[in-house]
Amino acid sequence: MPDSATTNTMLACQITGSDGAAEWHPTYADSWIGFLQSHRQLTRELDARLEAQHGLTLSGLELLGRLNAAPERWLRLSALAGQTGLSLSRVSRIVDALEARGFIERRPCESDARAINAHLTPAGAEGLKSAELTHRAAVQSSFFDHLSCSEVETLAAVFARFAPGAAAACQRSD
């Protein structure tokens, strides 16, 4: 339960507009709406660059990256869906496209005949390496180049509260 100082700060976030409806304080509105619009703009830009240069979407790149980070470079499709926050049907459609390119192979799960595993192929690992270079350069120019080192540290600290350990989950474990 928040203490009284936190409650007073939280109440100051909202104000009542001239029509009596609750509104965000302008600083909070700028923060929240700016976050949403920045996310939308950046993901569209990154998607466009990846698609143009590698025929991949951000979601496809994320699936390849998560498979690359997984032990033995395989995961169940349901685990990929859970890790990415995508529906199983969406993951399956992305895997279809990646499989058609030879980046992923579907294999039955040995311990559960109902489940399907996705395996990253050597071609998929090479495609990932190439696309990651484009992705990192695009993130650098479109995002990090607009921030100071201290702003990056602040963002890392803030987002760690919402997604602790997120970056570590995307790193190769062997």
N, C-alpha and C. Protein backbone atom coordinates (compact mmCIF):
# COMPACT_ATOMS: atom_id res chain seq x y z
N MET A 1 0.84 -1.17 0.00
CA MET A 1 0.00 0.00 0.00
C MET A 1 0.90 1.25 0.00
N PRO A 2 0.58 2.23 -0.87
CA PRO A 2 1.43 3.41 -0.95
C PRO A 2 1.33 4.26 0.32
N ASP A 3 2.45 4.91 0.67
CA ASP A 3 2.42 5.81 1.81
C ASP A 3 1.75 7.12 1.39
N SER A 4 1.53 8.04 2.35
CA SER A 4 0.78 9.27 2.05
C SER A 4 1.52 10.16 1.06
N ALA A 5 2.86 10.19 1.10
CA ALA A 5 3.61 11.01 0.15
C ALA A 5 3.44 10.46 -1.26
N THR A 6 3.47 9.12 -1.39
CA THR A 6 3.27 8.50 -2.71
C THR A 6 1.86 8.76 -3.20
N THR A 7 0.87 8.63 -2.30
CA THR A 7 -0.52 8.87 -2.68
C THR A 7 -0.70 10.30 -3.14
N ASN A 8 -0.13 11.27 -2.41
CA ASN A 8 -0.25 12.67 -2.82
C ASN A 8 0.39 12.90 -4.18
N THR A 9 1.53 12.26 -4.43
CA THR A 9 2.19 12.40 -5.73
C THR A 9 1.32 11.77 -6.82
N MET A 10 0.75 10.60 -6.53
CA MET A 10 -0.10 9.93 -7.52
C MET A 10 -1.31 10.78 -7.84
N LEU A 11 -1.92 11.41 -6.83
CA LEU A 11 -3.09 12.24 -7.06
C LEU A 11 -2.75 13.47 -7.88
N ALA A 12 -1.53 13.96 -7.73
CA ALA A 12 -1.11 15.14 -8.49
C ALA A 12 -0.92 14.81 -9.96
N CYS A 13 -0.86 13.53 -10.31
CA CYS A 13 -0.70 13.12 -11.70
C CYS A 13 -1.94 13.44 -12.51
N GLN A 14 -3.09 13.40 -11.83
CA GLN A 14 -4.34 13.63 -12.53
C GLN A 14 -4.93 14.97 -12.10
N ILE A 15 -5.52 15.64 -13.06
CA ILE A 15 -6.19 16.89 -12.78
C ILE A 15 -7.58 16.81 -13.40
N THR A 16 -8.43 17.72 -13.03
CA THR A 16 -9.76 17.76 -13.60
C THR A 16 -9.79 18.84 -14.67
N GLY A 17 -10.23 18.44 -15.85
CA GLY A 17 -10.32 19.39 -16.96
C GLY A 17 -11.50 20.33 -16.81
N SER A 18 -11.60 21.28 -17.70
CA SER A 18 -12.68 22.26 -17.64
C SER A 18 -14.06 21.62 -17.79
N ASP A 19 -14.13 20.46 -18.41
CA ASP A 19 -15.40 19.76 -18.56
C ASP A 19 -15.70 18.81 -17.41
N GLY A 20 -14.81 18.77 -16.40
CA GLY A 20 -15.00 17.92 -15.23
C GLY A 20 -14.42 16.53 -15.37
N ALA A 21 -13.91 16.20 -16.55
CA ALA A 21 -13.33 14.87 -16.76
C ALA A 21 -11.89 14.86 -16.25
N ALA A 22 -11.47 13.68 -15.78
CA ALA A 22 -10.09 13.54 -15.30
C ALA A 22 -9.13 13.61 -16.49
N GLU A 23 -8.02 14.28 -16.29
CA GLU A 23 -6.97 14.38 -17.31
C GLU A 23 -5.65 14.11 -16.62
N TRP A 24 -4.66 13.73 -17.42
CA TRP A 24 -3.32 13.62 -16.89
C TRP A 24 -2.72 15.01 -16.76
N HIS A 25 -1.89 15.17 -15.76
CA HIS A 25 -1.08 16.39 -15.68
C HIS A 25 -0.25 16.41 -16.96
N PRO A 26 0.01 17.57 -17.56
CA PRO A 26 0.73 17.62 -18.84
C PRO A 26 2.06 16.86 -18.85
N THR A 27 2.79 16.88 -17.76
CA THR A 27 4.05 16.15 -17.71
C THR A 27 3.82 14.65 -17.82
N TYR A 28 2.80 14.15 -17.16
CA TYR A 28 2.47 12.73 -17.23
C TYR A 28 1.93 12.37 -18.60
N ALA A 29 1.11 13.23 -19.16
CA ALA A 29 0.59 12.99 -20.51
C ALA A 29 1.73 12.96 -21.52
N ASP A 30 2.64 13.91 -21.42
CA ASP A 30 3.79 13.92 -22.33
C ASP A 30 4.62 12.65 -22.18
N SER A 31 4.79 12.20 -20.95
CA SER A 31 5.58 11.00 -20.70
C SER A 31 4.90 9.76 -21.29
N TRP A 32 3.64 9.55 -20.96
CA TRP A 32 2.94 8.34 -21.41
C TRP A 32 2.69 8.35 -22.91
N ILE A 33 2.13 9.42 -23.42
CA ILE A 33 1.82 9.48 -24.85
C ILE A 33 3.11 9.52 -25.67
N GLY A 34 4.12 10.20 -25.16
CA GLY A 34 5.42 10.21 -25.83
C GLY A 34 6.01 8.81 -25.91
N PHE A 35 5.89 8.05 -24.83
CA PHE A 35 6.37 6.66 -24.83
C PHE A 35 5.64 5.85 -25.89
N LEU A 36 4.31 5.94 -25.92
CA LEU A 36 3.53 5.17 -26.88
C LEU A 36 3.85 5.55 -28.32
N GLN A 37 3.92 6.84 -28.60
CA GLN A 37 4.20 7.28 -29.96
C GLN A 37 5.64 6.95 -30.37
N SER A 38 6.57 7.08 -29.45
CA SER A 38 7.96 6.73 -29.76
C SER A 38 8.08 5.24 -30.07
N HIS A 39 7.43 4.42 -29.27
CA HIS A 39 7.45 2.98 -29.51
C HIS A 39 6.88 2.66 -30.88
N ARG A 40 5.74 3.23 -31.21
CA ARG A 40 5.10 2.98 -32.50
C ARG A 40 6.01 3.41 -33.66
N GLN A 41 6.57 4.61 -33.56
CA GLN A 41 7.43 5.14 -34.61
C GLN A 41 8.69 4.28 -34.78
N LEU A 42 9.33 3.95 -33.66
CA LEU A 42 10.57 3.16 -33.72
C LEU A 42 10.32 1.76 -34.26
N THR A 43 9.26 1.10 -33.82
CA THR A 43 9.01 -0.26 -34.30
C THR A 43 8.66 -0.26 -35.78
N ARG A 44 7.93 0.73 -36.24
CA ARG A 44 7.63 0.82 -37.68
C ARG A 44 8.90 1.02 -38.49
N GLU A 45 9.76 1.90 -38.02
CA GLU A 45 11.01 2.18 -38.72
C GLU A 45 11.92 0.94 -38.73
N LEU A 46 12.06 0.29 -37.59
CA LEU A 46 12.90 -0.90 -37.51
C LEU A 46 12.34 -2.03 -38.36
N ASP A 47 11.03 -2.22 -38.31
CA ASP A 47 10.38 -3.24 -39.15
C ASP A 47 10.66 -2.98 -40.62
N ALA A 48 10.51 -1.73 -41.04
CA ALA A 48 10.73 -1.38 -42.45
C ALA A 48 12.16 -1.66 -42.89
N ARG A 49 13.13 -1.32 -42.05
CA ARG A 49 14.54 -1.58 -42.40
C ARG A 49 14.84 -3.07 -42.49
N LEU A 50 14.34 -3.82 -41.51
CA LEU A 50 14.57 -5.27 -41.52
C LEU A 50 13.90 -5.94 -42.72
N GLU A 51 12.69 -5.51 -43.00
CA GLU A 51 11.96 -6.09 -44.12
C GLU A 51 12.67 -5.78 -45.44
N ALA A 52 13.09 -4.55 -45.60
CA ALA A 52 13.75 -4.14 -46.86
C ALA A 52 15.08 -4.86 -47.07
N GLN A 53 15.85 -5.02 -46.01
CA GLN A 53 17.20 -5.58 -46.16
C GLN A 53 17.29 -7.08 -45.95
N HIS A 54 16.33 -7.65 -45.18
CA HIS A 54 16.46 -9.06 -44.82
C HIS A 54 15.17 -9.86 -44.98
N GLY A 55 14.08 -9.20 -45.35
CA GLY A 55 12.81 -9.91 -45.46
C GLY A 55 12.30 -10.43 -44.13
N LEU A 56 12.68 -9.76 -43.04
CA LEU A 56 12.27 -10.16 -41.68
C LEU A 56 11.50 -9.04 -41.01
N THR A 57 10.62 -9.41 -40.10
CA THR A 57 9.97 -8.45 -39.23
C THR A 57 10.69 -8.45 -37.89
N LEU A 58 10.38 -7.48 -37.05
CA LEU A 58 10.93 -7.49 -35.69
C LEU A 58 10.53 -8.76 -34.95
N SER A 59 9.29 -9.19 -35.14
CA SER A 59 8.84 -10.42 -34.47
C SER A 59 9.61 -11.63 -34.97
N GLY A 60 9.87 -11.70 -36.26
CA GLY A 60 10.66 -12.80 -36.80
C GLY A 60 12.08 -12.77 -36.26
N LEU A 61 12.66 -11.59 -36.20
CA LEU A 61 14.00 -11.44 -35.64
C LEU A 61 14.02 -11.87 -34.17
N GLU A 62 12.99 -11.49 -33.43
CA GLU A 62 12.93 -11.88 -32.02
C GLU A 62 12.84 -13.40 -31.87
N LEU A 63 12.02 -14.05 -32.69
CA LEU A 63 11.93 -15.51 -32.60
C LEU A 63 13.29 -16.15 -32.89
N LEU A 64 13.96 -15.69 -33.94
CA LEU A 64 15.28 -16.23 -34.25
C LEU A 64 16.25 -15.99 -33.08
N GLY A 65 16.21 -14.80 -32.52
CA GLY A 65 17.09 -14.47 -31.39
C GLY A 65 16.82 -15.32 -30.17
N ARG A 66 15.56 -15.57 -29.88
CA ARG A 66 15.22 -16.39 -28.72
C ARG A 66 15.64 -17.85 -28.94
N LEU A 67 15.47 -18.33 -30.17
CA LEU A 67 15.94 -19.69 -30.47
C LEU A 67 17.46 -19.76 -30.35
N ASN A 68 18.14 -18.75 -30.83
CA ASN A 68 19.60 -18.72 -30.75
C ASN A 68 20.08 -18.71 -29.30
N ALA A 69 19.32 -18.06 -28.43
CA ALA A 69 19.70 -17.96 -27.02
C ALA A 69 19.32 -19.20 -26.22
N ALA A 70 18.45 -20.03 -26.77
CA ALA A 70 17.96 -21.21 -26.05
C ALA A 70 19.00 -22.34 -26.07
N PRO A 71 19.01 -23.15 -25.02
CA PRO A 71 19.89 -24.32 -25.03
C PRO A 71 19.61 -25.19 -26.26
N GLU A 72 20.64 -25.59 -26.95
CA GLU A 72 20.55 -26.41 -28.16
C GLU A 72 19.75 -25.74 -29.28
N ARG A 73 19.48 -24.46 -29.12
CA ARG A 73 18.81 -23.63 -30.14
C ARG A 73 17.44 -24.16 -30.54
N TRP A 74 16.66 -24.62 -29.57
CA TRP A 74 15.29 -25.03 -29.84
C TRP A 74 14.39 -24.67 -28.67
N LEU A 75 13.13 -24.43 -29.00
CA LEU A 75 12.08 -24.17 -28.01
C LEU A 75 10.76 -24.69 -28.57
N ARG A 76 9.86 -25.00 -27.68
CA ARG A 76 8.49 -25.32 -28.09
C ARG A 76 7.85 -24.05 -28.65
N LEU A 77 6.97 -24.24 -29.60
CA LEU A 77 6.25 -23.08 -30.14
C LEU A 77 5.48 -22.36 -29.03
N SER A 78 4.91 -23.11 -28.11
CA SER A 78 4.16 -22.48 -27.01
C SER A 78 5.09 -21.67 -26.11
N ALA A 79 6.33 -22.12 -25.93
CA ALA A 79 7.30 -21.35 -25.14
C ALA A 79 7.69 -20.07 -25.87
N LEU A 80 7.86 -20.15 -27.19
CA LEU A 80 8.15 -18.94 -27.96
C LEU A 80 7.01 -17.94 -27.84
N ALA A 81 5.79 -18.44 -27.89
CA ALA A 81 4.62 -17.56 -27.75
C ALA A 81 4.63 -16.89 -26.37
N GLY A 82 4.89 -17.67 -25.35
CA GLY A 82 4.93 -17.11 -23.99
C GLY A 82 6.03 -16.09 -23.81
N GLN A 83 7.20 -16.38 -24.34
CA GLN A 83 8.34 -15.47 -24.17
C GLN A 83 8.16 -14.17 -24.94
N THR A 84 7.52 -14.23 -26.09
CA THR A 84 7.39 -13.04 -26.93
C THR A 84 6.10 -12.27 -26.69
N GLY A 85 5.15 -12.89 -26.01
CA GLY A 85 3.87 -12.22 -25.80
C GLY A 85 2.98 -12.27 -27.03
N LEU A 86 3.35 -13.10 -28.00
CA LEU A 86 2.54 -13.26 -29.21
C LEU A 86 1.63 -14.47 -29.04
N SER A 87 0.54 -14.49 -29.78
CA SER A 87 -0.35 -15.65 -29.73
C SER A 87 0.34 -16.83 -30.39
N LEU A 88 -0.08 -18.03 -30.02
CA LEU A 88 0.48 -19.22 -30.62
C LEU A 88 0.23 -19.25 -32.12
N SER A 89 -0.94 -18.79 -32.55
CA SER A 89 -1.22 -18.77 -33.99
C SER A 89 -0.32 -17.78 -34.72
N ARG A 90 -0.02 -16.65 -34.10
CA ARG A 90 0.89 -15.67 -34.71
C ARG A 90 2.30 -16.25 -34.80
N VAL A 91 2.76 -16.89 -33.73
CA VAL A 91 4.08 -17.53 -33.74
C VAL A 91 4.12 -18.59 -34.83
N SER A 92 3.07 -19.36 -34.96
CA SER A 92 3.03 -20.41 -35.97
C SER A 92 3.14 -19.82 -37.38
N ARG A 93 2.48 -18.71 -37.64
CA ARG A 93 2.56 -18.06 -38.96
C ARG A 93 3.97 -17.54 -39.23
N ILE A 94 4.59 -16.96 -38.22
CA ILE A 94 5.97 -16.45 -38.39
C ILE A 94 6.91 -17.63 -38.63
N VAL A 95 6.73 -18.71 -37.86
CA VAL A 95 7.56 -19.90 -38.03
C VAL A 95 7.36 -20.49 -39.43
N ASP A 96 6.13 -20.47 -39.94
CA ASP A 96 5.88 -20.94 -41.32
C ASP A 96 6.79 -20.20 -42.30
N ALA A 97 6.82 -18.87 -42.18
CA ALA A 97 7.62 -18.06 -43.09
C ALA A 97 9.11 -18.32 -42.91
N LEU A 98 9.55 -18.44 -41.67
CA LEU A 98 10.97 -18.71 -41.40
C LEU A 98 11.36 -20.12 -41.83
N GLU A 99 10.45 -21.05 -41.69
CA GLU A 99 10.71 -22.42 -42.12
C GLU A 99 10.82 -22.47 -43.66
N ALA A 100 9.98 -21.73 -44.36
CA ALA A 100 10.04 -21.70 -45.82
C ALA A 100 11.37 -21.17 -46.32
N ARG A 101 12.02 -20.33 -45.53
CA ARG A 101 13.33 -19.79 -45.88
C ARG A 101 14.49 -20.67 -45.41
N GLY A 102 14.16 -21.75 -44.70
CA GLY A 102 15.20 -22.65 -44.20
C GLY A 102 15.86 -22.15 -42.92
N PHE A 103 15.25 -21.17 -42.24
CA PHE A 103 15.82 -20.61 -41.02
C PHE A 103 15.46 -21.41 -39.77
N ILE A 104 14.31 -22.09 -39.84
CA ILE A 104 13.80 -22.86 -38.70
C ILE A 104 13.30 -24.19 -39.22
N GLU A 105 13.45 -25.23 -38.41
CA GLU A 105 12.83 -26.52 -38.68
C GLU A 105 11.86 -26.82 -37.56
N ARG A 106 10.69 -27.32 -37.92
CA ARG A 106 9.75 -27.82 -36.92
C ARG A 106 10.06 -29.29 -36.69
N ARG A 107 10.07 -29.68 -35.40
CA ARG A 107 10.27 -31.09 -35.06
C ARG A 107 9.29 -31.44 -33.94
N PRO A 108 8.79 -32.68 -33.96
CA PRO A 108 7.92 -33.10 -32.86
C PRO A 108 8.68 -33.10 -31.54
N CYS A 109 7.99 -32.78 -30.49
CA CYS A 109 8.59 -32.82 -29.16
C CYS A 109 8.66 -34.27 -28.69
N GLU A 110 9.84 -34.69 -28.29
CA GLU A 110 10.03 -36.09 -27.88
C GLU A 110 9.26 -36.43 -26.61
N SER A 111 9.10 -35.46 -25.71
CA SER A 111 8.44 -35.74 -24.43
C SER A 111 6.94 -35.48 -24.45
N ASP A 112 6.42 -34.84 -25.51
CA ASP A 112 5.00 -34.53 -25.59
C ASP A 112 4.60 -34.53 -27.06
N ALA A 113 3.94 -35.60 -27.48
CA ALA A 113 3.59 -35.76 -28.90
C ALA A 113 2.68 -34.65 -29.41
N ARG A 114 2.01 -33.94 -28.52
CA ARG A 114 1.11 -32.86 -28.95
C ARG A 114 1.86 -31.58 -29.26
N ALA A 115 3.08 -31.46 -28.77
CA ALA A 115 3.85 -30.22 -28.90
C ALA A 115 4.80 -30.28 -30.09
N ILE A 116 5.12 -29.09 -30.59
CA ILE A 116 6.07 -28.95 -31.70
C ILE A 116 7.20 -28.04 -31.23
N ASN A 117 8.42 -28.45 -31.55
CA ASN A 117 9.59 -27.64 -31.26
C ASN A 117 10.04 -26.92 -32.52
N ALA A 118 10.55 -25.72 -32.34
CA ALA A 118 11.20 -24.99 -33.43
C ALA A 118 12.69 -25.03 -33.18
N HIS A 119 13.45 -25.41 -34.19
CA HIS A 119 14.91 -25.51 -34.12
C HIS A 119 15.51 -24.48 -35.07
N LEU A 120 16.48 -23.73 -34.58
CA LEU A 120 17.20 -22.79 -35.42
C LEU A 120 18.20 -23.56 -36.27
N THR A 121 18.16 -23.35 -37.58
CA THR A 121 19.08 -24.03 -38.49
C THR A 121 20.36 -23.20 -38.63
N PRO A 122 21.41 -23.78 -39.18
CA PRO A 122 22.61 -22.98 -39.46
C PRO A 122 22.31 -21.79 -40.37
N ALA A 123 21.44 -21.98 -41.36
CA ALA A 123 21.05 -20.85 -42.22
C ALA A 123 20.32 -19.78 -41.41
N GLY A 124 19.50 -20.21 -40.46
CA GLY A 124 18.81 -19.26 -39.59
C GLY A 124 19.77 -18.48 -38.71
N ALA A 125 20.79 -19.18 -38.20
CA ALA A 125 21.80 -18.50 -37.38
C ALA A 125 22.56 -17.47 -38.20
N GLU A 126 22.87 -17.79 -39.45
CA GLU A 126 23.56 -16.83 -40.32
C GLU A 126 22.64 -15.65 -40.67
N GLY A 127 21.39 -15.95 -40.98
CA GLY A 127 20.42 -14.89 -41.26
C GLY A 127 20.24 -13.97 -40.07
N LEU A 128 20.22 -14.56 -38.88
CA LEU A 128 20.10 -13.78 -37.65
C LEU A 128 21.28 -12.85 -37.48
N LYS A 129 22.50 -13.36 -37.67
CA LYS A 129 23.70 -12.53 -37.52
C LYS A 129 23.63 -11.31 -38.44
N SER A 130 23.28 -11.54 -39.67
CA SER A 130 23.21 -10.45 -40.64
C SER A 130 22.12 -9.44 -40.27
N ALA A 131 20.95 -9.95 -39.93
CA ALA A 131 19.84 -9.05 -39.58
C ALA A 131 20.11 -8.30 -38.28
N GLU A 132 20.80 -8.95 -37.33
CA GLU A 132 21.13 -8.26 -36.08
C GLU A 132 22.03 -7.06 -36.31
N LEU A 133 22.94 -7.16 -37.26
CA LEU A 133 23.81 -6.01 -37.57
C LEU A 133 22.97 -4.82 -38.05
N THR A 134 22.03 -5.09 -38.93
CA THR A 134 21.13 -4.04 -39.41
C THR A 134 20.29 -3.49 -38.26
N HIS A 135 19.76 -4.39 -37.47
CA HIS A 135 18.89 -4.00 -36.35
C HIS A 135 19.66 -3.13 -35.35
N ARG A 136 20.84 -3.57 -34.97
CA ARG A 136 21.63 -2.80 -33.99
C ARG A 136 22.00 -1.43 -34.53
N ALA A 137 22.37 -1.35 -35.80
CA ALA A 137 22.70 -0.05 -36.39
C ALA A 137 21.48 0.85 -36.43
N ALA A 138 20.32 0.28 -36.74
CA ALA A 138 19.08 1.07 -36.79
C ALA A 138 18.67 1.54 -35.40
N VAL A 139 18.79 0.69 -34.40
CA VAL A 139 18.47 1.08 -33.02
C VAL A 139 19.43 2.17 -32.57
N GLN A 140 20.70 2.02 -32.90
CA GLN A 140 21.69 3.03 -32.52
C GLN A 140 21.32 4.40 -33.12
N SER A 141 21.06 4.43 -34.42
CA SER A 141 20.81 5.72 -35.09
C SER A 141 19.44 6.29 -34.76
N SER A 142 18.45 5.43 -34.59
CA SER A 142 17.08 5.91 -34.36
C SER A 142 16.74 6.14 -32.90
N PHE A 143 17.52 5.55 -32.00
CA PHE A 143 17.19 5.64 -30.57
C PHE A 143 18.36 6.15 -29.74
N PHE A 144 19.41 5.35 -29.64
CA PHE A 144 20.50 5.70 -28.72
C PHE A 144 21.22 6.99 -29.09
N ASP A 145 21.35 7.29 -30.37
CA ASP A 145 22.03 8.52 -30.76
C ASP A 145 21.29 9.79 -30.32
N HIS A 146 20.04 9.63 -29.90
CA HIS A 146 19.23 10.77 -29.44
C HIS A 146 19.27 10.92 -27.92
N LEU A 147 20.04 10.08 -27.25
CA LEU A 147 20.07 10.07 -25.79
C LEU A 147 21.50 10.24 -25.28
N SER A 148 21.61 10.84 -24.10
CA SER A 148 22.91 10.91 -23.44
C SER A 148 23.15 9.60 -22.69
N CYS A 149 24.38 9.38 -22.28
CA CYS A 149 24.70 8.17 -21.50
C CYS A 149 23.87 8.11 -20.23
N SER A 150 23.70 9.23 -19.56
CA SER A 150 22.92 9.23 -18.31
C SER A 150 21.45 8.95 -18.59
N GLU A 151 20.93 9.40 -19.72
CA GLU A 151 19.53 9.10 -20.07
C GLU A 151 19.36 7.61 -20.35
N VAL A 152 20.33 7.00 -21.00
CA VAL A 152 20.27 5.56 -21.24
C VAL A 152 20.29 4.81 -19.91
N GLU A 153 21.15 5.23 -18.99
CA GLU A 153 21.20 4.58 -17.67
C GLU A 153 19.87 4.74 -16.94
N THR A 154 19.26 5.91 -17.03
CA THR A 154 17.96 6.13 -16.39
C THR A 154 16.90 5.23 -17.00
N LEU A 155 16.86 5.15 -18.33
CA LEU A 155 15.88 4.28 -18.98
C LEU A 155 16.10 2.82 -18.58
N ALA A 156 17.35 2.39 -18.52
CA ALA A 156 17.64 1.01 -18.12
C ALA A 156 17.11 0.74 -16.72
N ALA A 157 17.31 1.68 -15.82
CA ALA A 157 16.83 1.50 -14.44
C ALA A 157 15.31 1.49 -14.38
N VAL A 158 14.67 2.37 -15.12
CA VAL A 158 13.21 2.44 -15.12
C VAL A 158 12.61 1.17 -15.70
N PHE A 159 13.07 0.76 -16.88
CA PHE A 159 12.48 -0.40 -17.53
C PHE A 159 12.83 -1.70 -16.82
N ALA A 160 13.89 -1.73 -16.06
CA ALA A 160 14.23 -2.93 -15.27
C ALA A 160 13.15 -3.20 -14.22
N ARG A 161 12.45 -2.15 -13.80
CA ARG A 161 11.35 -2.34 -12.85
C ARG A 161 10.16 -3.04 -13.50
N PHE A 162 9.95 -2.81 -14.78
CA PHE A 162 8.82 -3.39 -15.48
C PHE A 162 9.15 -4.76 -16.08
N ALA A 163 10.40 -4.96 -16.47
CA ALA A 163 10.82 -6.21 -17.11
C ALA A 163 12.18 -6.62 -16.58
N PRO A 164 12.23 -7.03 -15.31
CA PRO A 164 13.53 -7.42 -14.74
C PRO A 164 14.14 -8.60 -15.49
N GLY A 165 15.41 -8.48 -15.80
CA GLY A 165 16.11 -9.57 -16.46
C GLY A 165 15.77 -9.77 -17.92
N ALA A 166 15.09 -8.81 -18.54
CA ALA A 166 14.64 -8.99 -19.93
C ALA A 166 15.80 -9.19 -20.88
N ALA A 167 16.85 -8.40 -20.76
CA ALA A 167 17.98 -8.52 -21.68
C ALA A 167 18.69 -9.86 -21.49
N ALA A 168 18.83 -10.30 -20.26
CA ALA A 168 19.52 -11.57 -20.00
C ALA A 168 18.79 -12.75 -20.63
N ALA A 169 17.47 -12.66 -20.73
CA ALA A 169 16.68 -13.75 -21.31
C ALA A 169 16.93 -13.90 -22.81
N CYS A 170 17.50 -12.89 -23.43
CA CYS A 170 17.74 -12.91 -24.87
C CYS A 170 19.20 -13.20 -25.22
N GLN A 171 19.99 -13.58 -24.23
CA GLN A 171 21.41 -13.84 -24.48
C GLN A 171 21.68 -15.34 -24.49
N ARG A 172 22.55 -15.74 -25.35
CA ARG A 172 22.90 -17.17 -25.49
C ARG A 172 23.40 -17.72 -24.16
N SER A 173 22.94 -18.91 -23.82
CA SER A 173 23.24 -19.46 -22.50
C SER A 173 24.42 -20.43 -22.49
N ASP A 174 25.01 -20.78 -23.64
CA ASP A 174 26.11 -21.77 -23.57
C ASP A 174 27.46 -21.13 -23.74
